[in-house]
Amino acid sequence: MNLLAINEEVKAALDGGHPVVALESTIIAHGLPWPDNLEVARALEQEVRTAGAIPATIAVVGGIPRIGLGPETLEGLARHGQRFGKAGASDLAVAMARRLDAATTVSATAFLADRAGIRLFATGGIGGVHRGDTGDVSYDLAAMAKARVAVVSAGAKAILDLPRTVEMLETQGVLVLGYRTSEFPAFYSPRSGIPLEHRVDSPAEAAVVLRTRFFDLKQGGVLACNPIPSEAALDDGLIQAAIDQALHEAGERGVRGKALTPFLLAELARTTGGAAVVANRALALANARVAAEIARALCGMTPRS
């Protein structure tokens, strides 16, 4: 039984061996306010198209995982995002069984993209190990390790403990590639001081690694780290002060669990006067473009599988 509803355009691309890039929906439903979220959602899809691939925004609508959203569904997700739940990979069964609407996180999007046969997925930043509590670890890391999907991101969200996140990626067996960088990006900054062992400098070079890992070795779990464009990066001191303030505020209010990340990102947007939102948009668009370029290169050299 096929539990996925794959958009006709996406299905035709997959059947024809054409490049497809998955996009998550949490940024639309919960990451940005209306109507900014719709503008960003459309811009991300257009960036993928401009780079020569087909976008597949993923969400659960009425209990059905949808791979690729039509214009009306995409607008409904943006306009009524507060009515959508937030589903990680471990929440999908409940959302489907109860016929709920849910935006997909990195873990759910990677899982569903893999099930649909999509090998590239672009997002802003992945989840990871939260600061001050090594027991608070996003399921994004474990889900990425299992999926035959390359996640293109600007590293992990800057609110996290980046050194521990990189260590946990290694523990989970995720291959971390620096895309034109030799250090792990810090989301709003291209620099973290954390060196990376593996680097690729072109879509073709990345595609050779993905082909070997996904199709020859049958392994999953690749994170391609694409640093934020230098012109969009924020001052390290400014963003660190804003993060410290946001973490303090979260502690004072007792915010934790799934509510923590959206709260911290909203606080960063407020304390930076919107600069964090502008940077987030720029890095997300850059990741969509790189993912599409790699998807094109991969489709040019791999058998459909």
C-alpha atoms as a PDB file:
ATOM      1  CA  MET A   1       0.000   0.000   0.000  1.00  0.00           C
ATOM      2  CA  ASN A   2       1.411   3.390  -1.018  1.00  0.00           C
ATOM      3  CA  LEU A   3       0.831   5.792   1.862  1.00  0.00           C
ATOM      4  CA  LEU A   4       2.349   8.816   0.103  1.00  0.00           C
ATOM      5  CA  ALA A   5       0.517  11.282  -2.121  1.00  0.00           C
ATOM      6  CA  ILE A   6       3.149  12.370  -4.627  1.00  0.00           C
ATOM      7  CA  ASN A   7       2.406  15.499  -6.623  1.00  0.00           C
ATOM      8  CA  GLU A   8       2.051  14.769 -10.368  1.00  0.00           C
ATOM      9  CA  GLU A   9       4.944  17.044 -11.337  1.00  0.00           C
ATOM     10  CA  VAL A  10       7.203  15.461  -8.720  1.00  0.00           C
ATOM     11  CA  LYS A  11       6.157  11.935  -9.731  1.00  0.00           C
ATOM     12  CA  ALA A  12       6.849  12.647 -13.399  1.00  0.00           C
ATOM     13  CA  ALA A  13      10.295  13.981 -12.518  1.00  0.00           C
ATOM     14  CA  LEU A  14      11.143  10.965 -10.353  1.00  0.00           C
ATOM     15  CA  ASP A  15       9.858   8.491 -12.957  1.00  0.00           C
ATOM     16  CA  GLY A  16      11.867  10.261 -15.647  1.00  0.00           C
ATOM     17  CA  GLY A  17      15.073  10.387 -13.637  1.00  0.00           C
ATOM     18  CA  HIS A  18      15.032  14.170 -13.333  1.00  0.00           C
ATOM     19  CA  PRO A  19      16.375  16.030 -10.281  1.00  0.00           C
ATOM     20  CA  VAL A  20      14.047  16.689  -7.347  1.00  0.00           C
ATOM     21  CA  VAL A  21      14.776  18.554  -4.107  1.00  0.00           C
ATOM     22  CA  ALA A  22      12.725  18.061  -0.945  1.00  0.00           C
ATOM     23  CA  LEU A  23      11.838  21.077   1.198  1.00  0.00           C
ATOM     24  CA  GLU A  24      10.519  20.985   4.769  1.00  0.00           C
ATOM     25  CA  SER A  25       7.331  22.734   5.862  1.00  0.00           C
ATOM     26  CA  THR A  26       8.015  23.666   9.496  1.00  0.00           C
ATOM     27  CA  ILE A  27       9.667  26.909   8.398  1.00  0.00           C
ATOM     28  CA  ILE A  28       6.404  27.799   6.621  1.00  0.00           C
ATOM     29  CA  ALA A  29       3.919  26.825   9.321  1.00  0.00           C
ATOM     30  CA  HIS A  30       5.897  27.738  12.438  1.00  0.00           C
ATOM     31  CA  GLY A  31       9.087  29.551  11.479  1.00  0.00           C
ATOM     32  CA  LEU A  32       7.780  32.782   9.940  1.00  0.00           C
ATOM     33  CA  PRO A  33       4.631  34.917  10.226  1.00  0.00           C
ATOM     34  CA  TRP A  34       2.025  35.332   7.482  1.00  0.00           C
ATOM     35  CA  PRO A  35       2.504  36.513   4.733  1.00  0.00           C
ATOM     36  CA  ASP A  36       6.315  36.390   4.948  1.00  0.00           C
ATOM     37  CA  ASN A  37       6.164  32.603   5.210  1.00  0.00           C
ATOM     38  CA  LEU A  38       4.332  32.246   1.895  1.00  0.00           C
ATOM     39  CA  GLU A  39       6.794  34.554   0.155  1.00  0.00           C
ATOM     40  CA  VAL A  40       9.726  32.500   1.462  1.00  0.00           C
ATOM     41  CA  ALA A  41       8.031  29.189   0.575  1.00  0.00           C
ATOM     42  CA  ARG A  42       7.501  30.354  -2.997  1.00  0.00           C
ATOM     43  CA  ALA A  43      11.026  31.780  -3.196  1.00  0.00           C
ATOM     44  CA  LEU A  44      12.563  28.487  -2.062  1.00  0.00           C
ATOM     45  CA  GLU A  45      10.631  26.543  -4.694  1.00  0.00           C
ATOM     46  CA  GLN A  46      11.591  29.069  -7.369  1.00  0.00           C
ATOM     47  CA  GLU A  47      15.262  28.875  -6.362  1.00  0.00           C
ATOM     48  CA  VAL A  48      15.164  25.098  -6.892  1.00  0.00           C
ATOM     49  CA  ARG A  49      13.501  25.529 -10.290  1.00  0.00           C
ATOM     50  CA  THR A  50      15.956  28.207 -11.392  1.00  0.00           C
ATOM     51  CA  ALA A  51      18.816  25.824 -10.602  1.00  0.00           C
ATOM     52  CA  GLY A  52      17.244  23.123 -12.785  1.00  0.00           C
ATOM     53  CA  ALA A  53      15.379  20.823 -10.381  1.00  0.00           C
ATOM     54  CA  ILE A  54      11.790  20.222  -9.279  1.00  0.00           C
ATOM     55  CA  PRO A  55      10.851  21.314  -5.737  1.00  0.00           C
ATOM     56  CA  ALA A  56       8.911  18.963  -3.461  1.00  0.00           C
ATOM     57  CA  THR A  57       7.693  20.737  -0.329  1.00  0.00           C
ATOM     58  CA  ILE A  58       6.554  18.050   2.115  1.00  0.00           C
ATOM     59  CA  ALA A  59       3.749  18.204   4.707  1.00  0.00           C
ATOM     60  CA  VAL A  60       1.058  15.992   6.204  1.00  0.00           C
ATOM     61  CA  VAL A  61      -2.419  17.152   5.151  1.00  0.00           C
ATOM     62  CA  GLY A  62      -5.481  15.359   6.466  1.00  0.00           C
ATOM     63  CA  GLY A  63      -3.278  12.519   7.644  1.00  0.00           C
ATOM     64  CA  ILE A  64      -1.689  11.998   4.229  1.00  0.00           C
ATOM     65  CA  PRO A  65       2.024  12.703   3.699  1.00  0.00           C
ATOM     66  CA  ARG A  66       2.129  14.898   0.609  1.00  0.00           C
ATOM     67  CA  ILE A  67       5.303  15.023  -1.457  1.00  0.00           C
ATOM     68  CA  GLY A  68       5.018  18.280  -3.345  1.00  0.00           C
ATOM     69  CA  LEU A  69       2.286  20.805  -2.605  1.00  0.00           C
ATOM     70  CA  GLY A  70       0.106  22.566  -5.138  1.00  0.00           C
ATOM     71  CA  PRO A  71      -0.225  26.369  -4.987  1.00  0.00           C
ATOM     72  CA  GLU A  72      -3.479  26.306  -3.007  1.00  0.00           C
ATOM     73  CA  THR A  73      -2.187  23.788  -0.466  1.00  0.00           C
ATOM     74  CA  LEU A  74       1.055  25.725  -0.047  1.00  0.00           C
ATOM     75  CA  GLU A  75      -0.870  28.939   0.593  1.00  0.00           C
ATOM     76  CA  GLY A  76      -3.196  27.161   3.038  1.00  0.00           C
ATOM     77  CA  LEU A  77      -0.198  25.841   4.954  1.00  0.00           C
ATOM     78  CA  ALA A  78       1.243  29.349   5.191  1.00  0.00           C
ATOM     79  CA  ARG A  79      -2.015  31.143   5.980  1.00  0.00           C
ATOM     80  CA  HIS A  80      -3.233  28.635   8.571  1.00  0.00           C
ATOM     81  CA  GLY A  81       0.099  27.430   9.935  1.00  0.00           C
ATOM     82  CA  GLN A  82      -1.074  27.766  13.542  1.00  0.00           C
ATOM     83  CA  ARG A  83      -3.566  24.957  12.868  1.00  0.00           C
ATOM     84  CA  PHE A  84      -0.801  22.591  11.756  1.00  0.00           C
ATOM     85  CA  GLY A  85       1.015  20.441  14.269  1.00  0.00           C
ATOM     86  CA  LYS A  86       4.778  19.939  14.210  1.00  0.00           C
ATOM     87  CA  ALA A  87       5.659  16.389  13.193  1.00  0.00           C
ATOM     88  CA  GLY A  88       9.040  14.741  13.529  1.00  0.00           C
ATOM     89  CA  ALA A  89       9.602  11.280  12.074  1.00  0.00           C
ATOM     90  CA  SER A  90       8.429   9.660  15.317  1.00  0.00           C
ATOM     91  CA  ASP A  91       5.113  11.576  15.168  1.00  0.00           C
ATOM     92  CA  LEU A  92       4.101  10.547  11.654  1.00  0.00           C
ATOM     93  CA  ALA A  93       2.107   7.449  12.620  1.00  0.00           C
ATOM     94  CA  VAL A  94      -0.103   9.431  14.998  1.00  0.00           C
ATOM     95  CA  ALA A  95      -0.620  12.269  12.514  1.00  0.00           C
ATOM     96  CA  MET A  96      -1.583   9.788   9.814  1.00  0.00           C
ATOM     97  CA  ALA A  97      -3.806   7.581  11.996  1.00  0.00           C
ATOM     98  CA  ARG A  98      -5.702  10.590  13.357  1.00  0.00           C
ATOM     99  CA  ARG A  99      -5.852  12.353   9.968  1.00  0.00           C
ATOM    100  CA  LEU A 100      -4.143  15.456  11.282  1.00  0.00           C
ATOM    101  CA  ASP A 101      -2.487  18.366   9.522  1.00  0.00           C
ATOM    102  CA  ALA A 102       1.202  18.662  10.392  1.00  0.00           C
ATOM    103  CA  ALA A 103       4.256  20.496   9.149  1.00  0.00           C
ATOM    104  CA  THR A 104       7.294  18.245   8.835  1.00  0.00           C
ATOM    105  CA  THR A 105      10.582  18.822  10.629  1.00  0.00           C
ATOM    106  CA  VAL A 106      13.975  17.796   9.258  1.00  0.00           C
ATOM    107  CA  SER A 107      13.607  14.234  10.580  1.00  0.00           C
ATOM    108  CA  ALA A 108      10.143  13.692   9.084  1.00  0.00           C
ATOM    109  CA  THR A 109      11.044  15.352   5.798  1.00  0.00           C
ATOM    110  CA  ALA A 110      14.207  13.245   5.418  1.00  0.00           C
ATOM    111  CA  PHE A 111      12.261  10.053   6.185  1.00  0.00           C
ATOM    112  CA  LEU A 112       9.449  10.854   3.729  1.00  0.00           C
ATOM    113  CA  ALA A 113      11.842  12.047   1.028  1.00  0.00           C
ATOM    114  CA  ASP A 114      13.691   8.741   1.274  1.00  0.00           C
ATOM    115  CA  ARG A 115      10.412   6.803   0.983  1.00  0.00           C
ATOM    116  CA  ALA A 116       9.573   8.804  -2.140  1.00  0.00           C
ATOM    117  CA  GLY A 117      13.006   8.229  -3.700  1.00  0.00           C
ATOM    118  CA  ILE A 118      14.220  11.826  -3.358  1.00  0.00           C
ATOM    119  CA  ARG A 119      17.939  11.995  -2.550  1.00  0.00           C
ATOM    120  CA  LEU A 120      18.469  15.758  -1.942  1.00  0.00           C
ATOM    121  CA  PHE A 121      16.806  17.830   0.748  1.00  0.00           C
ATOM    122  CA  ALA A 122      17.453  21.526   1.437  1.00  0.00           C
ATOM    123  CA  THR A 123      16.768  23.188   4.765  1.00  0.00           C
ATOM    124  CA  GLY A 124      18.086  26.109   6.796  1.00  0.00           C
ATOM    125  CA  GLY A 125      19.771  24.324   9.686  1.00  0.00           C
ATOM    126  CA  ILE A 126      19.355  20.934  11.311  1.00  0.00           C
ATOM    127  CA  GLY A 127      18.533  20.232  14.951  1.00  0.00           C
ATOM    128  CA  GLY A 128      21.148  18.826  17.287  1.00  0.00           C
ATOM    129  CA  VAL A 129      22.381  18.828  20.879  1.00  0.00           C
ATOM    130  CA  HIS A 130      20.985  21.672  22.981  1.00  0.00           C
ATOM    131  CA  ARG A 131      23.300  23.753  25.122  1.00  0.00           C
ATOM    132  CA  GLY A 132      23.691  22.878  28.766  1.00  0.00           C
ATOM    133  CA  ASP A 133      21.861  19.559  28.556  1.00  0.00           C
ATOM    134  CA  THR A 134      23.516  16.746  26.617  1.00  0.00           C
ATOM    135  CA  GLY A 135      20.358  14.669  27.080  1.00  0.00           C
ATOM    136  CA  ASP A 136      18.315  17.034  24.895  1.00  0.00           C
ATOM    137  CA  VAL A 137      19.209  15.778  21.423  1.00  0.00           C
ATOM    138  CA  SER A 138      17.113  16.305  18.313  1.00  0.00           C
ATOM    139  CA  TYR A 139      15.900  13.176  16.527  1.00  0.00           C
ATOM    140  CA  ASP A 140      17.021  14.904  13.315  1.00  0.00           C
ATOM    141  CA  LEU A 141      20.449  13.333  13.788  1.00  0.00           C
ATOM    142  CA  ALA A 142      19.251   9.730  14.121  1.00  0.00           C
ATOM    143  CA  ALA A 143      16.718  10.120  11.303  1.00  0.00           C
ATOM    144  CA  MET A 144      19.351  11.543   8.958  1.00  0.00           C
ATOM    145  CA  ALA A 145      21.611   8.578   9.692  1.00  0.00           C
ATOM    146  CA  LYS A 146      18.941   6.164   8.447  1.00  0.00           C
ATOM    147  CA  ALA A 147      17.716   7.973   5.332  1.00  0.00           C
ATOM    148  CA  ARG A 148      19.415   7.755   1.953  1.00  0.00           C
ATOM    149  CA  VAL A 149      19.120  11.518   1.660  1.00  0.00           C
ATOM    150  CA  ALA A 150      21.711  14.276   1.561  1.00  0.00           C
ATOM    151  CA  VAL A 151      20.607  17.216   3.691  1.00  0.00           C
ATOM    152  CA  VAL A 152      22.025  20.538   2.535  1.00  0.00           C
ATOM    153  CA  SER A 153      22.081  23.050   5.382  1.00  0.00           C
ATOM    154  CA  ALA A 154      24.104  25.888   6.878  1.00  0.00           C
ATOM    155  CA  GLY A 155      25.234  23.512   9.607  1.00  0.00           C
ATOM    156  CA  ALA A 156      23.062  23.246  12.717  1.00  0.00           C
ATOM    157  CA  LYS A 157      20.967  25.996  14.262  1.00  0.00           C
ATOM    158  CA  ALA A 158      23.220  28.484  16.081  1.00  0.00           C
ATOM    159  CA  ILE A 159      21.222  28.131  19.309  1.00  0.00           C
ATOM    160  CA  LEU A 160      22.651  24.608  19.729  1.00  0.00           C
ATOM    161  CA  ASP A 161      25.868  23.223  21.180  1.00  0.00           C
ATOM    162  CA  LEU A 162      27.739  22.928  17.890  1.00  0.00           C
ATOM    163  CA  PRO A 163      30.804  20.916  19.045  1.00  0.00           C
ATOM    164  CA  ARG A 164      28.577  18.289  20.699  1.00  0.00           C
ATOM    165  CA  THR A 165      26.281  18.264  17.680  1.00  0.00           C
ATOM    166  CA  VAL A 166      29.203  17.475  15.378  1.00  0.00           C
ATOM    167  CA  GLU A 167      30.342  14.725  17.758  1.00  0.00           C
ATOM    168  CA  MET A 168      26.839  13.255  17.787  1.00  0.00           C
ATOM    169  CA  LEU A 169      26.671  13.291  13.987  1.00  0.00           C
ATOM    170  CA  GLU A 170      29.859  11.217  13.965  1.00  0.00           C
ATOM    171  CA  THR A 171      28.433   8.845  16.591  1.00  0.00           C
ATOM    172  CA  GLN A 172      25.286   8.348  14.500  1.00  0.00           C
ATOM    173  CA  GLY A 173      27.372   7.573  11.420  1.00  0.00           C
ATOM    174  CA  VAL A 174      26.315  10.650   9.429  1.00  0.00           C
ATOM    175  CA  LEU A 175      28.841  11.660   6.769  1.00  0.00           C
ATOM    176  CA  VAL A 176      29.468  15.394   7.174  1.00  0.00           C
ATOM    177  CA  LEU A 177      30.744  17.140   4.049  1.00  0.00           C
ATOM    178  CA  GLY A 178      31.892  20.732   3.952  1.00  0.00           C
ATOM    179  CA  TYR A 179      30.652  22.291   0.721  1.00  0.00           C
ATOM    180  CA  ARG A 180      33.442  24.673  -0.275  1.00  0.00           C
ATOM    181  CA  THR A 181      34.419  24.913   3.380  1.00  0.00           C
ATOM    182  CA  SER A 182      36.719  23.051   5.748  1.00  0.00           C
ATOM    183  CA  GLU A 183      34.877  23.940   8.937  1.00  0.00           C
ATOM    184  CA  PHE A 184      31.385  23.400  10.284  1.00  0.00           C
ATOM    185  CA  PRO A 185      29.248  26.488   9.608  1.00  0.00           C
ATOM    186  CA  ALA A 186      27.602  28.242  12.555  1.00  0.00           C
ATOM    187  CA  PHE A 187      24.319  28.999  10.754  1.00  0.00           C
ATOM    188  CA  TYR A 188      24.352  32.828  10.910  1.00  0.00           C
ATOM    189  CA  SER A 189      28.135  32.771  10.485  1.00  0.00           C
ATOM    190  CA  PRO A 190      30.255  30.748   8.035  1.00  0.00           C
ATOM    191  CA  ARG A 191      32.739  30.049  10.843  1.00  0.00           C
ATOM    192  CA  SER A 192      32.573  27.955  13.997  1.00  0.00           C
ATOM    193  CA  GLY A 193      36.201  26.929  14.442  1.00  0.00           C
ATOM    194  CA  ILE A 194      35.153  23.254  14.245  1.00  0.00           C
ATOM    195  CA  PRO A 195      37.221  21.533  11.523  1.00  0.00           C
ATOM    196  CA  LEU A 196      35.667  19.080   9.098  1.00  0.00           C
ATOM    197  CA  GLU A 197      37.487  16.023   7.825  1.00  0.00           C
ATOM    198  CA  HIS A 198      35.787  15.900   4.421  1.00  0.00           C
ATOM    199  CA  ARG A 199      35.275  18.650   1.861  1.00  0.00           C
ATOM    200  CA  VAL A 200      33.841  18.875  -1.663  1.00  0.00           C
ATOM    201  CA  ASP A 201      34.116  21.894  -3.931  1.00  0.00           C
ATOM    202  CA  SER A 202      31.612  21.297  -6.730  1.00  0.00           C
ATOM    203  CA  PRO A 203      28.217  19.670  -7.357  1.00  0.00           C
ATOM    204  CA  ALA A 204      29.930  16.981  -9.436  1.00  0.00           C
ATOM    205  CA  GLU A 205      32.377  16.131  -6.644  1.00  0.00           C
ATOM    206  CA  ALA A 206      29.534  15.934  -4.132  1.00  0.00           C
ATOM    207  CA  ALA A 207      27.487  13.761  -6.483  1.00  0.00           C
ATOM    208  CA  VAL A 208      30.297  11.187  -6.826  1.00  0.00           C
ATOM    209  CA  VAL A 209      30.406  10.825  -3.038  1.00  0.00           C
ATOM    210  CA  LEU A 210      26.607  10.510  -2.817  1.00  0.00           C
ATOM    211  CA  ARG A 211      26.467   7.963  -5.613  1.00  0.00           C
ATOM    212  CA  THR A 212      29.077   5.823  -3.870  1.00  0.00           C
ATOM    213  CA  ARG A 213      27.422   6.084  -0.470  1.00  0.00           C
ATOM    214  CA  PHE A 214      23.766   5.717  -1.515  1.00  0.00           C
ATOM    215  CA  PHE A 215      23.928   3.347  -4.470  1.00  0.00           C
ATOM    216  CA  ASP A 216      27.156   1.380  -4.088  1.00  0.00           C
ATOM    217  CA  LEU A 217      27.405   1.066  -0.311  1.00  0.00           C
ATOM    218  CA  LYS A 218      23.645   1.384   0.367  1.00  0.00           C
ATOM    219  CA  GLN A 219      24.404   3.715   3.264  1.00  0.00           C
ATOM    220  CA  GLY A 220      22.376   6.708   4.371  1.00  0.00           C
ATOM    221  CA  GLY A 221      23.095   9.824   6.307  1.00  0.00           C
ATOM    222  CA  VAL A 222      24.845  12.729   4.593  1.00  0.00           C
ATOM    223  CA  LEU A 223      24.950  16.330   5.792  1.00  0.00           C
ATOM    224  CA  ALA A 224      26.321  18.772   3.213  1.00  0.00           C
ATOM    225  CA  CYS A 225      27.296  21.949   5.052  1.00  0.00           C
ATOM    226  CA  ASN A 226      26.889  25.049   2.905  1.00  0.00           C
ATOM    227  CA  PRO A 227      27.955  28.227   4.760  1.00  0.00           C
ATOM    228  CA  ILE A 228      25.701  31.266   4.757  1.00  0.00           C
ATOM    229  CA  PRO A 229      26.704  33.693   1.958  1.00  0.00           C
ATOM    230  CA  SER A 230      29.295  36.090   3.368  1.00  0.00           C
ATOM    231  CA  GLU A 231      27.237  39.172   2.510  1.00  0.00           C
ATOM    232  CA  ALA A 232      24.325  37.829   4.594  1.00  0.00           C
ATOM    233  CA  ALA A 233      26.333  36.679   7.624  1.00  0.00           C
ATOM    234  CA  LEU A 234      25.749  38.342  10.991  1.00  0.00           C
ATOM    235  CA  ASP A 235      28.410  39.673  13.338  1.00  0.00           C
ATOM    236  CA  ASP A 236      29.576  36.869  15.646  1.00  0.00           C
ATOM    237  CA  GLY A 237      29.426  39.037  18.757  1.00  0.00           C
ATOM    238  CA  LEU A 238      25.942  40.348  17.939  1.00  0.00           C
ATOM    239  CA  ILE A 239      24.407  36.934  17.344  1.00  0.00           C
ATOM    240  CA  GLN A 240      26.108  35.335  20.357  1.00  0.00           C
ATOM    241  CA  ALA A 241      24.772  38.052  22.655  1.00  0.00           C
ATOM    242  CA  ALA A 242      21.291  37.570  21.185  1.00  0.00           C
ATOM    243  CA  ILE A 243      21.505  33.786  21.670  1.00  0.00           C
ATOM    244  CA  ASP A 244      22.613  34.175  25.289  1.00  0.00           C
ATOM    245  CA  GLN A 245      19.703  36.511  25.952  1.00  0.00           C
ATOM    246  CA  ALA A 246      17.217  34.163  24.258  1.00  0.00           C
ATOM    247  CA  LEU A 247      18.479  31.163  26.243  1.00  0.00           C
ATOM    248  CA  HIS A 248      18.196  33.134  29.489  1.00  0.00           C
ATOM    249  CA  GLU A 249      14.628  34.144  28.616  1.00  0.00           C
ATOM    250  CA  ALA A 250      13.708  30.534  27.808  1.00  0.00           C
ATOM    251  CA  GLY A 251      15.089  29.396  31.157  1.00  0.00           C
ATOM    252  CA  GLU A 252      13.169  32.097  33.003  1.00  0.00           C
ATOM    253  CA  ARG A 253       9.910  31.066  31.322  1.00  0.00           C
ATOM    254  CA  GLY A 254      10.512  27.324  31.584  1.00  0.00           C
ATOM    255  CA  VAL A 255      10.316  26.779  27.822  1.00  0.00           C
ATOM    256  CA  ARG A 256      11.580  23.339  26.777  1.00  0.00           C
ATOM    257  CA  GLY A 257      10.955  20.392  24.455  1.00  0.00           C
ATOM    258  CA  LYS A 258       9.425  21.028  21.030  1.00  0.00           C
ATOM    259  CA  ALA A 259       8.534  24.586  22.024  1.00  0.00           C
ATOM    260  CA  LEU A 260      12.149  25.567  22.698  1.00  0.00           C
ATOM    261  CA  THR A 261      13.522  25.997  19.183  1.00  0.00           C
ATOM    262  CA  PRO A 262      10.601  28.103  17.836  1.00  0.00           C
ATOM    263  CA  PHE A 263      10.770  30.249  20.977  1.00  0.00           C
ATOM    264  CA  LEU A 264      14.510  30.844  20.650  1.00  0.00           C
ATOM    265  CA  LEU A 265      14.269  31.682  16.950  1.00  0.00           C
ATOM    266  CA  ALA A 266      11.453  34.157  17.642  1.00  0.00           C
ATOM    267  CA  GLU A 267      13.537  35.767  20.369  1.00  0.00           C
ATOM    268  CA  LEU A 268      16.512  36.061  18.005  1.00  0.00           C
ATOM    269  CA  ALA A 269      14.308  37.738  15.418  1.00  0.00           C
ATOM    270  CA  ARG A 270      13.099  40.215  18.035  1.00  0.00           C
ATOM    271  CA  THR A 271      16.435  41.026  19.641  1.00  0.00           C
ATOM    272  CA  THR A 272      18.264  41.446  16.314  1.00  0.00           C
ATOM    273  CA  GLY A 273      15.579  43.715  14.902  1.00  0.00           C
ATOM    274  CA  GLY A 274      14.717  41.195  12.201  1.00  0.00           C
ATOM    275  CA  ALA A 275      18.313  40.723  11.033  1.00  0.00           C
ATOM    276  CA  ALA A 276      18.222  37.044  11.992  1.00  0.00           C
ATOM    277  CA  VAL A 277      15.147  36.505   9.795  1.00  0.00           C
ATOM    278  CA  VAL A 278      16.849  38.160   6.800  1.00  0.00           C
ATOM    279  CA  ALA A 279      19.936  35.990   7.307  1.00  0.00           C
ATOM    280  CA  ASN A 280      17.797  32.863   7.703  1.00  0.00           C
ATOM    281  CA  ARG A 281      16.077  33.561   4.390  1.00  0.00           C
ATOM    282  CA  ALA A 282      19.385  34.141   2.589  1.00  0.00           C
ATOM    283  CA  LEU A 283      20.979  30.926   3.810  1.00  0.00           C
ATOM    284  CA  ALA A 284      17.846  28.873   3.086  1.00  0.00           C
ATOM    285  CA  LEU A 285      17.778  30.116  -0.508  1.00  0.00           C
ATOM    286  CA  ALA A 286      21.492  29.388  -0.917  1.00  0.00           C
ATOM    287  CA  ASN A 287      20.958  25.846   0.369  1.00  0.00           C
ATOM    288  CA  ALA A 288      18.040  25.289  -2.026  1.00  0.00           C
ATOM    289  CA  ARG A 289      20.224  26.333  -4.946  1.00  0.00           C
ATOM    290  CA  VAL A 290      23.150  24.109  -3.943  1.00  0.00           C
ATOM    291  CA  ALA A 291      20.853  21.131  -3.341  1.00  0.00           C
ATOM    292  CA  ALA A 292      19.362  21.531  -6.814  1.00  0.00           C
ATOM    293  CA  GLU A 293      22.807  21.753  -8.415  1.00  0.00           C
ATOM    294  CA  ILE A 294      23.934  18.583  -6.641  1.00  0.00           C
ATOM    295  CA  ALA A 295      20.665  16.824  -7.529  1.00  0.00           C
ATOM    296  CA  ARG A 296      21.261  17.618 -11.199  1.00  0.00           C
ATOM    297  CA  ALA A 297      24.794  16.238 -11.038  1.00  0.00           C
ATOM    298  CA  LEU A 298      23.626  13.101  -9.213  1.00  0.00           C
ATOM    299  CA  CYS A 299      20.861  12.406 -11.727  1.00  0.00           C
ATOM    300  CA  GLY A 300      23.420  12.624 -14.499  1.00  0.00           C
ATOM    301  CA  MET A 301      25.481   9.747 -13.135  1.00  0.00           C
ATOM    302  CA  THR A 302      23.281   7.351 -11.163  1.00  0.00           C
ATOM    303  CA  PRO A 303      20.831   4.641 -12.138  1.00  0.00           C
ATOM    304  CA  ARG A 304      17.322   5.240 -10.839  1.00  0.00           C
ATOM    305  CA  SER A 305      16.928   3.415  -7.551  1.00  0.00           C
END
